[in-house]
Amino acid sequence: MNWQDYISITPGVRSGKPCVKGTRITASDVLEYLASGMDEQAILADFPELRREHIHAVLSFAAERERRLSALPAVS
């Protein structure tokens, strides 16, 4: 999945945080919902503007960000 098709960063929208395109729902919002125990169906029911692809794009975005962070040299 190409998360860039579904997630954008726009200055002035939610303080420039990564959001699902066409919404003000941040990637971190979706991650927090999942971490709190909400499943995909519950999130989609609460946020009808989201689709399953959006949730998968958020997970892909988070995984890529984690890979980039873990590739940084350790600071001692």
PDB file of N, CA and C in Angstrom:
ATOM      1  N   MET A   1       0.839  -1.182   0.000  1.00  0.00           N
ATOM      2  CA  MET A   1       0.000   0.000   0.000  1.00  0.00           C
ATOM      3  C   MET A   1       0.880   1.240   0.000  1.00  0.00           C
ATOM      4  N   ASN A   2       0.488   2.220  -0.772  1.00  0.00           N
ATOM      5  CA  ASN A   2       1.175   3.499  -0.813  1.00  0.00           C
ATOM      6  C   ASN A   2       0.412   4.471   0.077  1.00  0.00           C
ATOM      7  N   TRP A   3       0.882   4.631   1.315  1.00  0.00           N
ATOM      8  CA  TRP A   3       0.159   5.468   2.267  1.00  0.00           C
ATOM      9  C   TRP A   3       0.048   6.912   1.802  1.00  0.00           C
ATOM     10  N   GLN A   4       0.975   7.372   0.943  1.00  0.00           N
ATOM     11  CA  GLN A   4       0.935   8.749   0.458  1.00  0.00           C
ATOM     12  C   GLN A   4      -0.336   9.047  -0.338  1.00  0.00           C
ATOM     13  N   ASP A   5      -0.977   8.008  -0.837  1.00  0.00           N
ATOM     14  CA  ASP A   5      -2.240   8.195  -1.560  1.00  0.00           C
ATOM     15  C   ASP A   5      -3.379   8.579  -0.611  1.00  0.00           C
ATOM     16  N   TYR A   6      -3.213   8.319   0.680  1.00  0.00           N
ATOM     17  CA  TYR A   6      -4.294   8.498   1.643  1.00  0.00           C
ATOM     18  C   TYR A   6      -3.984   9.465   2.783  1.00  0.00           C
ATOM     19  N   ILE A   7      -2.716   9.812   2.975  1.00  0.00           N
ATOM     20  CA  ILE A   7      -2.316  10.654   4.106  1.00  0.00           C
ATOM     21  C   ILE A   7      -1.583  11.867   3.567  1.00  0.00           C
ATOM     22  N   SER A   8      -1.911  13.037   4.112  1.00  0.00           N
ATOM     23  CA  SER A   8      -1.226  14.255   3.687  1.00  0.00           C
ATOM     24  C   SER A   8      -0.858  15.095   4.904  1.00  0.00           C
ATOM     25  N   ILE A   9       0.128  15.950   4.701  1.00  0.00           N
ATOM     26  CA  ILE A   9       0.541  16.900   5.730  1.00  0.00           C
ATOM     27  C   ILE A   9       0.355  18.282   5.131  1.00  0.00           C
ATOM     28  N   THR A  10      -0.557  19.055   5.723  1.00  0.00           N
ATOM     29  CA  THR A  10      -0.881  20.375   5.219  1.00  0.00           C
ATOM     30  C   THR A  10      -0.685  21.397   6.332  1.00  0.00           C
ATOM     31  N   PRO A  11       0.245  22.341   6.147  1.00  0.00           N
ATOM     32  CA  PRO A  11       0.412  23.373   7.173  1.00  0.00           C
ATOM     33  C   PRO A  11      -0.924  24.073   7.431  1.00  0.00           C
ATOM     34  N   GLY A  12      -1.228  24.299   8.675  1.00  0.00           N
ATOM     35  CA  GLY A  12      -2.476  24.966   9.036  1.00  0.00           C
ATOM     36  C   GLY A  12      -3.642  24.027   9.276  1.00  0.00           C
ATOM     37  N   VAL A  13      -3.499  22.767   8.916  1.00  0.00           N
ATOM     38  CA  VAL A  13      -4.543  21.784   9.191  1.00  0.00           C
ATOM     39  C   VAL A  13      -4.031  20.895  10.312  1.00  0.00           C
ATOM     40  N   ARG A  14      -4.711  20.972  11.447  1.00  0.00           N
ATOM     41  CA  ARG A  14      -4.332  20.207  12.644  1.00  0.00           C
ATOM     42  C   ARG A  14      -2.850  20.393  12.975  1.00  0.00           C
ATOM     43  N   SER A  15      -2.402  21.627  12.873  1.00  0.00           N
ATOM     44  CA  SER A  15      -1.017  22.005  13.206  1.00  0.00           C
ATOM     45  C   SER A  15       0.017  21.267  12.362  1.00  0.00           C
ATOM     46  N   GLY A  16      -0.336  20.924  11.142  1.00  0.00           N
ATOM     47  CA  GLY A  16       0.596  20.268  10.245  1.00  0.00           C
ATOM     48  C   GLY A  16       0.813  18.796  10.523  1.00  0.00           C
ATOM     49  N   LYS A  17      -0.054  18.195  11.341  1.00  0.00           N
ATOM     50  CA  LYS A  17       0.069  16.758  11.626  1.00  0.00           C
ATOM     51  C   LYS A  17      -0.424  15.958  10.413  1.00  0.00           C
ATOM     52  N   PRO A  18       0.118  14.757  10.219  1.00  0.00           N
ATOM     53  CA  PRO A  18      -0.361  13.905   9.125  1.00  0.00           C
ATOM     54  C   PRO A  18      -1.839  13.561   9.325  1.00  0.00           C
ATOM     55  N   CYS A  19      -2.653  13.835   8.299  1.00  0.00           N
ATOM     56  CA  CYS A  19      -4.097  13.584   8.354  1.00  0.00           C
ATOM     57  C   CYS A  19      -4.536  12.710   7.189  1.00  0.00           C
ATOM     58  N   VAL A  20      -5.629  12.016   7.396  1.00  0.00           N
ATOM     59  CA  VAL A  20      -6.271  11.301   6.301  1.00  0.00           C
ATOM     60  C   VAL A  20      -6.752  12.365   5.317  1.00  0.00           C
ATOM     61  N   LYS A  21      -6.369  12.216   4.048  1.00  0.00           N
ATOM     62  CA  LYS A  21      -6.712  13.218   3.030  1.00  0.00           C
ATOM     63  C   LYS A  21      -8.213  13.494   3.022  1.00  0.00           C
ATOM     64  N   GLY A  22      -8.544  14.777   2.932  1.00  0.00           N
ATOM     65  CA  GLY A  22      -9.938  15.194   2.860  1.00  0.00           C
ATOM     66  C   GLY A  22     -10.634  15.246   4.199  1.00  0.00           C
ATOM     67  N   THR A  23      -9.894  14.983   5.281  1.00  0.00           N
ATOM     68  CA  THR A  23     -10.475  15.028   6.623  1.00  0.00           C
ATOM     69  C   THR A  23      -9.538  15.801   7.543  1.00  0.00           C
ATOM     70  N   ARG A  24      -9.968  15.996   8.757  1.00  0.00           N
ATOM     71  CA  ARG A  24      -9.117  16.569   9.794  1.00  0.00           C
ATOM     72  C   ARG A  24      -8.756  15.492  10.821  1.00  0.00           C
ATOM     73  N   ILE A  25      -8.899  14.238  10.433  1.00  0.00           N
ATOM     74  CA  ILE A  25      -8.581  13.108  11.308  1.00  0.00           C
ATOM     75  C   ILE A  25      -7.099  12.789  11.141  1.00  0.00           C
ATOM     76  N   THR A  26      -6.350  12.898  12.249  1.00  0.00           N
ATOM     77  CA  THR A  26      -4.914  12.661  12.166  1.00  0.00           C
ATOM     78  C   THR A  26      -4.597  11.169  12.223  1.00  0.00           C
ATOM     79  N   ALA A  27      -3.416  10.857  11.707  1.00  0.00           N
ATOM     80  CA  ALA A  27      -2.939   9.478  11.796  1.00  0.00           C
ATOM     81  C   ALA A  27      -2.843   9.067  13.260  1.00  0.00           C
ATOM     82  N   SER A  28      -2.389   9.970  14.113  1.00  0.00           N
ATOM     83  CA  SER A  28      -2.276   9.623  15.535  1.00  0.00           C
ATOM     84  C   SER A  28      -3.645   9.401  16.168  1.00  0.00           C
ATOM     85  N   ASP A  29      -4.680  10.110  15.711  1.00  0.00           N
ATOM     86  CA  ASP A  29      -6.036   9.841  16.209  1.00  0.00           C
ATOM     87  C   ASP A  29      -6.407   8.385  15.950  1.00  0.00           C
ATOM     88  N   VAL A  30      -6.213   7.949  14.708  1.00  0.00           N
ATOM     89  CA  VAL A  30      -6.584   6.582  14.326  1.00  0.00           C
ATOM     90  C   VAL A  30      -5.759   5.572  15.118  1.00  0.00           C
ATOM     91  N   LEU A  31      -4.460   5.834  15.266  1.00  0.00           N
ATOM     92  CA  LEU A  31      -3.612   4.926  16.035  1.00  0.00           C
ATOM     93  C   LEU A  31      -4.063   4.848  17.488  1.00  0.00           C
ATOM     94  N   GLU A  32      -4.447   5.979  18.071  1.00  0.00           N
ATOM     95  CA  GLU A  32      -4.925   5.978  19.452  1.00  0.00           C
ATOM     96  C   GLU A  32      -6.230   5.201  19.587  1.00  0.00           C
ATOM     97  N   TYR A  33      -7.124   5.325  18.608  1.00  0.00           N
ATOM     98  CA  TYR A  33      -8.376   4.553  18.653  1.00  0.00           C
ATOM     99  C   TYR A  33      -8.071   3.057  18.627  1.00  0.00           C
ATOM    100  N   LEU A  34      -7.164   2.654  17.740  1.00  0.00           N
ATOM    101  CA  LEU A  34      -6.794   1.242  17.658  1.00  0.00           C
ATOM    102  C   LEU A  34      -6.118   0.781  18.949  1.00  0.00           C
ATOM    103  N   ALA A  35      -5.224   1.594  19.490  1.00  0.00           N
ATOM    104  CA  ALA A  35      -4.509   1.235  20.722  1.00  0.00           C
ATOM    105  C   ALA A  35      -5.449   1.131  21.914  1.00  0.00           C
ATOM    106  N   SER A  36      -6.541   1.895  21.876  1.00  0.00           N
ATOM    107  CA  SER A  36      -7.493   1.853  22.996  1.00  0.00           C
ATOM    108  C   SER A  36      -8.417   0.641  22.924  1.00  0.00           C
ATOM    109  N   GLY A  37      -8.314  -0.119  21.815  1.00  0.00           N
ATOM    110  CA  GLY A  37      -9.125  -1.324  21.703  1.00  0.00           C
ATOM    111  C   GLY A  37     -10.239  -1.255  20.675  1.00  0.00           C
ATOM    112  N   MET A  38     -10.432  -0.091  20.044  1.00  0.00           N
ATOM    113  CA  MET A  38     -11.456  -0.011  19.002  1.00  0.00           C
ATOM    114  C   MET A  38     -11.015  -0.864  17.818  1.00  0.00           C
ATOM    115  N   ASP A  39     -11.948  -1.589  17.225  1.00  0.00           N
ATOM    116  CA  ASP A  39     -11.610  -2.322  16.017  1.00  0.00           C
ATOM    117  C   ASP A  39     -11.993  -1.486  14.794  1.00  0.00           C
ATOM    118  N   GLU A  40     -11.604  -1.976  13.621  1.00  0.00           N
ATOM    119  CA  GLU A  40     -11.864  -1.232  12.385  1.00  0.00           C
ATOM    120  C   GLU A  40     -13.336  -0.884  12.231  1.00  0.00           C
ATOM    121  N   GLN A  41     -14.200  -1.852  12.501  1.00  0.00           N
ATOM    122  CA  GLN A  41     -15.635  -1.627  12.313  1.00  0.00           C
ATOM    123  C   GLN A  41     -16.145  -0.495  13.199  1.00  0.00           C
ATOM    124  N   ALA A  42     -15.683  -0.440  14.444  1.00  0.00           N
ATOM    125  CA  ALA A  42     -16.119   0.620  15.361  1.00  0.00           C
ATOM    126  C   ALA A  42     -15.626   1.982  14.881  1.00  0.00           C
ATOM    127  N   ILE A  43     -14.383   2.044  14.421  1.00  0.00           N
ATOM    128  CA  ILE A  43     -13.853   3.310  13.917  1.00  0.00           C
ATOM    129  C   ILE A  43     -14.632   3.757  12.688  1.00  0.00           C
ATOM    130  N   LEU A  44     -14.879   2.835  11.766  1.00  0.00           N
ATOM    131  CA  LEU A  44     -15.625   3.172  10.555  1.00  0.00           C
ATOM    132  C   LEU A  44     -17.050   3.601  10.872  1.00  0.00           C
ATOM    133  N   ALA A  45     -17.650   3.022  11.901  1.00  0.00           N
ATOM    134  CA  ALA A  45     -19.007   3.404  12.291  1.00  0.00           C
ATOM    135  C   ALA A  45     -19.018   4.807  12.905  1.00  0.00           C
ATOM    136  N   ASP A  46     -17.984   5.128  13.695  1.00  0.00           N
ATOM    137  CA  ASP A  46     -17.917   6.438  14.341  1.00  0.00           C
ATOM    138  C   ASP A  46     -17.495   7.544  13.381  1.00  0.00           C
ATOM    139  N   PHE A  47     -16.756   7.182  12.348  1.00  0.00           N
ATOM    140  CA  PHE A  47     -16.234   8.168  11.398  1.00  0.00           C
ATOM    141  C   PHE A  47     -16.577   7.727   9.978  1.00  0.00           C
ATOM    142  N   PRO A  48     -17.793   8.013   9.519  1.00  0.00           N
ATOM    143  CA  PRO A  48     -18.247   7.513   8.219  1.00  0.00           C
ATOM    144  C   PRO A  48     -17.434   8.032   7.032  1.00  0.00           C
ATOM    145  N   GLU A  49     -16.651   9.096   7.240  1.00  0.00           N
ATOM    146  CA  GLU A  49     -15.820   9.597   6.141  1.00  0.00           C
ATOM    147  C   GLU A  49     -14.578   8.732   5.921  1.00  0.00           C
ATOM    148  N   LEU A  50     -14.285   7.838   6.861  1.00  0.00           N
ATOM    149  CA  LEU A  50     -13.147   6.940   6.727  1.00  0.00           C
ATOM    150  C   LEU A  50     -13.546   5.652   6.017  1.00  0.00           C
ATOM    151  N   ARG A  51     -12.560   5.072   5.351  1.00  0.00           N
ATOM    152  CA  ARG A  51     -12.718   3.759   4.729  1.00  0.00           C
ATOM    153  C   ARG A  51     -11.629   2.843   5.276  1.00  0.00           C
ATOM    154  N   ARG A  52     -11.809   1.579   5.089  1.00  0.00           N
ATOM    155  CA  ARG A  52     -10.830   0.584   5.556  1.00  0.00           C
ATOM    156  C   ARG A  52      -9.428   0.914   5.030  1.00  0.00           C
ATOM    157  N   GLU A  53      -9.341   1.381   3.789  1.00  0.00           N
ATOM    158  CA  GLU A  53      -8.048   1.722   3.195  1.00  0.00           C
ATOM    159  C   GLU A  53      -7.344   2.821   3.995  1.00  0.00           C
ATOM    160  N   HIS A  54      -8.117   3.741   4.555  1.00  0.00           N
ATOM    161  CA  HIS A  54      -7.520   4.815   5.354  1.00  0.00           C
ATOM    162  C   HIS A  54      -6.838   4.254   6.600  1.00  0.00           C
ATOM    163  N   ILE A  55      -7.493   3.323   7.251  1.00  0.00           N
ATOM    164  CA  ILE A  55      -6.921   2.723   8.468  1.00  0.00           C
ATOM    165  C   ILE A  55      -5.647   1.969   8.111  1.00  0.00           C
ATOM    166  N   HIS A  56      -5.672   1.232   7.018  1.00  0.00           N
ATOM    167  CA  HIS A  56      -4.480   0.496   6.592  1.00  0.00           C
ATOM    168  C   HIS A  56      -3.361   1.454   6.205  1.00  0.00           C
ATOM    169  N   ALA A  57      -3.709   2.581   5.590  1.00  0.00           N
ATOM    170  CA  ALA A  57      -2.699   3.580   5.233  1.00  0.00           C
ATOM    171  C   ALA A  57      -2.055   4.176   6.482  1.00  0.00           C
ATOM    172  N   VAL A  58      -2.846   4.420   7.513  1.00  0.00           N
ATOM    173  CA  VAL A  58      -2.303   4.935   8.776  1.00  0.00           C
ATOM    174  C   VAL A  58      -1.314   3.931   9.362  1.00  0.00           C
ATOM    175  N   LEU A  59      -1.662   2.660   9.349  1.00  0.00           N
ATOM    176  CA  LEU A  59      -0.752   1.636   9.867  1.00  0.00           C
ATOM    177  C   LEU A  59       0.527   1.559   9.037  1.00  0.00           C
ATOM    178  N   SER A  60       0.401   1.662   7.732  1.00  0.00           N
ATOM    179  CA  SER A  60       1.564   1.655   6.856  1.00  0.00           C
ATOM    180  C   SER A  60       2.445   2.878   7.109  1.00  0.00           C
ATOM    181  N   PHE A  61       1.823   4.042   7.271  1.00  0.00           N
ATOM    182  CA  PHE A  61       2.546   5.274   7.584  1.00  0.00           C
ATOM    183  C   PHE A  61       3.321   5.113   8.895  1.00  0.00           C
ATOM    184  N   ALA A  62       2.668   4.597   9.928  1.00  0.00           N
ATOM    185  CA  ALA A  62       3.301   4.425  11.234  1.00  0.00           C
ATOM    186  C   ALA A  62       4.457   3.426  11.150  1.00  0.00           C
ATOM    187  N   ALA A  63       4.284   2.356  10.399  1.00  0.00           N
ATOM    188  CA  ALA A  63       5.347   1.366  10.258  1.00  0.00           C
ATOM    189  C   ALA A  63       6.559   1.972   9.557  1.00  0.00           C
ATOM    190  N   GLU A  64       6.323   2.742   8.512  1.00  0.00           N
ATOM    191  CA  GLU A  64       7.438   3.368   7.801  1.00  0.00           C
ATOM    192  C   GLU A  64       8.145   4.386   8.686  1.00  0.00           C
ATOM    193  N   ARG A  65       7.385   5.159   9.431  1.00  0.00           N
ATOM    194  CA  ARG A  65       7.986   6.146  10.336  1.00  0.00           C
ATOM    195  C   ARG A  65       8.842   5.439  11.390  1.00  0.00           C
ATOM    196  N   GLU A  66       8.367   4.331  11.904  1.00  0.00           N
ATOM    197  CA  GLU A  66       9.122   3.565  12.899  1.00  0.00           C
ATOM    198  C   GLU A  66      10.416   3.024  12.294  1.00  0.00           C
ATOM    199  N   ARG A  67      10.348   2.526  11.059  1.00  0.00           N
ATOM    200  CA  ARG A  67      11.558   2.041  10.388  1.00  0.00           C
ATOM    201  C   ARG A  67      12.579   3.163  10.236  1.00  0.00           C
ATOM    202  N   ARG A  68      12.110   4.363   9.850  1.00  0.00           N
ATOM    203  CA  ARG A  68      13.026   5.492   9.694  1.00  0.00           C
ATOM    204  C   ARG A  68      13.627   5.892  11.038  1.00  0.00           C
ATOM    205  N   LEU A  69      12.834   5.913  12.093  1.00  0.00           N
ATOM    206  CA  LEU A  69      13.349   6.290  13.412  1.00  0.00           C
ATOM    207  C   LEU A  69      14.350   5.278  13.930  1.00  0.00           C
ATOM    208  N   SER A  70      14.089   4.009  13.711  1.00  0.00           N
ATOM    209  CA  SER A  70      15.002   2.980  14.206  1.00  0.00           C
ATOM    210  C   SER A  70      16.295   2.932  13.394  1.00  0.00           C
ATOM    211  N   ALA A  71      16.314   3.535  12.209  1.00  0.00           N
ATOM    212  CA  ALA A  71      17.515   3.567  11.399  1.00  0.00           C
ATOM    213  C   ALA A  71      18.435   4.725  11.773  1.00  0.00           C
ATOM    214  N   LEU A  72      17.947   5.646  12.602  1.00  0.00           N
ATOM    215  CA  LEU A  72      18.771   6.772  13.037  1.00  0.00           C
ATOM    216  C   LEU A  72      19.866   6.276  13.990  1.00  0.00           C
ATOM    217  N   PRO A  73      21.036   6.908  13.946  1.00  0.00           N
ATOM    218  CA  PRO A  73      22.093   6.493  14.863  1.00  0.00           C
ATOM    219  C   PRO A  73      21.694   6.752  16.323  1.00  0.00           C
ATOM    220  N   ALA A  74      22.120   5.865  17.183  1.00  0.00           N
ATOM    221  CA  ALA A  74      21.799   5.994  18.616  1.00  0.00           C
ATOM    222  C   ALA A  74      22.549   7.183  19.195  1.00  0.00           C
ATOM    223  N   VAL A  75      21.863   7.909  20.068  1.00  0.00           N
ATOM    224  CA  VAL A  75      22.471   9.048  20.753  1.00  0.00           C
ATOM    225  C   VAL A  75      22.843   8.594  22.157  1.00  0.00           C
ATOM    226  N   SER A  76      24.094   8.818  22.517  1.00  0.00           N
ATOM    227  CA  SER A  76      24.518   8.373  23.864  1.00  0.00           C
ATOM    228  C   SER A  76      24.678   9.531  24.811  1.00  0.00           C
TER     229      SER A  76
END
